[in-house]
Protein backbone atom coordinates (compact mmCIF):
# COMPACT_ATOMS: atom_id res chain seq x y z
CA UNK A 1 96.87 125.61 58.21
CA UNK A 2 95.08 128.31 59.79
CA UNK A 3 93.01 127.80 62.82
CA UNK A 4 89.27 126.39 62.03
CA UNK A 5 86.71 128.74 61.91
CA UNK A 6 83.12 128.19 61.96
CA UNK A 7 81.63 128.73 58.06
CA UNK A 8 85.22 127.65 55.95
CA UNK A 9 84.66 126.13 53.24
CA UNK A 10 86.09 124.08 49.96
CA UNK A 11 85.15 122.41 47.55
CA UNK A 12 86.07 119.82 44.65
CA UNK A 13 84.93 118.82 41.21
CA UNK A 14 85.61 115.37 39.28
CA UNK A 15 83.58 114.33 36.10
CA UNK A 16 82.93 111.05 36.60
CA UNK A 17 84.20 108.40 34.07
CA UNK A 18 83.35 104.73 32.73
CA UNK A 19 86.78 104.37 34.21
CA UNK A 20 85.73 105.22 37.74
CA UNK A 21 82.70 103.23 38.01
CA UNK A 22 84.31 99.99 36.75
CA UNK A 23 87.55 100.45 39.34
CA UNK A 24 84.91 101.98 42.08
CA UNK A 25 83.20 98.12 41.20
CA UNK A 26 86.77 96.17 41.30
CA UNK A 27 88.24 98.22 44.27
CA UNK A 28 85.02 97.16 46.47
CA UNK A 29 83.48 93.94 44.74
CA UNK A 30 80.12 96.08 44.02
CA UNK A 31 78.96 94.67 40.52
CA UNK A 32 75.15 95.95 40.94
CA UNK A 33 73.95 95.35 37.47
CA UNK A 34 72.64 98.99 37.36
CA UNK A 35 76.08 100.56 37.14
CA UNK A 36 78.03 97.96 35.15
CA UNK A 37 75.42 96.53 32.48
CA UNK A 38 73.73 99.33 30.55
CA UNK A 39 71.25 96.84 28.74
CA UNK A 40 70.08 95.97 32.78
CA UNK A 41 70.13 99.73 33.55
CA UNK A 42 67.70 100.69 31.09
CA UNK A 43 64.98 99.08 32.57
CA UNK A 44 65.00 100.72 35.55
CA UNK A 45 63.65 103.89 36.98
CA UNK A 46 66.67 105.54 36.12
CA UNK A 47 66.79 104.21 32.09
CA UNK A 48 70.48 104.19 32.48
CA UNK A 49 73.84 102.98 34.17
CA UNK A 50 74.34 105.32 37.07
CA UNK A 51 77.57 105.66 39.24
CA UNK A 52 78.14 104.76 42.58
CA UNK A 53 76.47 106.71 45.11
CA UNK A 54 80.05 106.14 47.76
CA UNK A 55 81.89 107.20 44.67
CA UNK A 56 80.98 110.51 44.47
CA UNK A 57 80.73 110.37 48.52
CA UNK A 58 84.79 109.98 47.85
CA UNK A 59 85.09 113.57 46.71
CA UNK A 60 83.77 114.69 50.45
CA UNK A 61 86.62 112.20 51.95
CA UNK A 62 88.75 113.61 49.54
CA UNK A 63 88.27 116.80 50.75
CA UNK A 64 88.82 116.42 54.52
CA UNK A 65 91.68 114.39 54.27
CA UNK A 66 93.59 116.71 51.96
CA UNK A 67 92.21 120.31 52.31
CA UNK A 68 89.47 121.06 55.51
CA UNK A 69 90.12 120.26 58.31
CA UNK A 70 93.14 118.72 56.05
CA UNK A 71 96.05 115.70 56.32
CA UNK A 72 95.82 113.97 59.62
CA UNK A 73 92.06 114.51 59.75
CA UNK A 74 90.46 111.22 61.77
CA UNK A 75 86.90 110.42 59.74
CA UNK A 76 84.67 109.24 62.41
CA UNK A 77 81.17 109.16 61.45
CA UNK A 78 79.08 110.36 58.09
CA UNK A 79 75.55 110.78 57.33
CA UNK A 80 74.40 110.22 53.77
CA UNK A 81 71.43 111.36 51.90
CA UNK A 82 71.52 110.02 48.48
CA UNK A 83 69.06 112.60 46.65
CA UNK A 84 69.11 112.57 42.64
CA UNK A 85 71.09 109.68 40.24
CA UNK A 86 74.87 110.69 39.41
CA UNK A 87 75.55 109.36 36.02
CA UNK A 88 78.78 108.91 33.95
CA UNK A 89 79.50 112.35 32.93
CA UNK A 90 78.44 114.35 35.36
CA UNK A 91 80.57 116.69 36.79
CA UNK A 92 80.32 116.24 40.33
CA UNK A 93 81.22 119.12 42.72
CA UNK A 94 81.58 117.90 46.46
CA UNK A 95 81.25 121.41 49.14
CA UNK A 96 81.99 120.65 52.89
CA UNK A 97 81.49 123.44 55.17
CA UNK A 98 82.46 124.03 59.52
CA UNK A 99 79.57 123.87 60.89
CA UNK A 100 80.59 123.87 64.41
CA UNK A 101 83.55 123.12 66.27
CA UNK A 102 84.29 121.49 70.26
CA UNK A 103 87.88 120.91 70.59
CA UNK A 104 89.34 118.93 67.85
CA UNK A 105 86.21 117.54 66.91
CA UNK A 106 84.52 119.58 64.06
CA UNK A 107 80.52 118.69 62.48
CA UNK A 108 81.20 120.10 58.05
CA UNK A 109 77.77 120.16 56.32
CA UNK A 110 78.68 117.71 53.08
CA UNK A 111 76.74 118.23 49.93
CA UNK A 112 77.44 116.86 46.58
CA UNK A 113 75.79 118.88 43.72
CA UNK A 114 75.86 118.08 39.76
CA UNK A 115 76.56 120.25 36.58
CA UNK A 116 73.39 121.78 36.71
CA UNK A 117 73.41 122.44 40.74
CA UNK A 118 71.05 119.74 41.79
CA UNK A 119 71.82 117.77 45.20
CA UNK A 120 73.05 114.17 44.18
CA UNK A 121 74.16 114.03 47.93
CA UNK A 122 73.88 115.88 51.62
CA UNK A 123 74.88 115.50 54.95
CA UNK A 124 77.55 115.98 57.59
CA UNK A 125 80.27 114.40 58.54
CA UNK A 126 81.98 114.59 61.90
CA UNK A 127 85.75 114.61 62.14
CA UNK A 128 88.51 114.75 64.90
CA UNK A 129 90.51 117.53 63.28
CA UNK A 130 94.73 117.62 63.12
CA UNK A 131 96.77 118.87 65.53
CA UNK A 132 98.85 121.78 64.40
CA UNK A 133 102.66 120.85 65.67
CA UNK A 134 105.77 123.01 64.91
């Protein structure tokens, strides 16, 4: 792994599927009908089912733990603002960017956008970066 520098960036994308929403509900126990019941969800301001917000935010975690800073990263905190709904079938792209570095403590800007470039999540994460060992 190269040394971390301010401005380093990583992204990953995923299409949110029906199965993703169902599995997330099963794993977390979040069975809000907004996510699972089309009839109920049509009566809401979203006019249909939406994915759990933390399902999309999970892409941020995947980047932090696997790509930037990478394996061994310790996730300390995450601020999130959910700015738009994610519908089943949306392609979500998560991006993290190194904002500041203080020894091994790293602050990163975190963003998720849909296939139209609309921001659906914005926030900031703080992690402890892994040490490099031979």
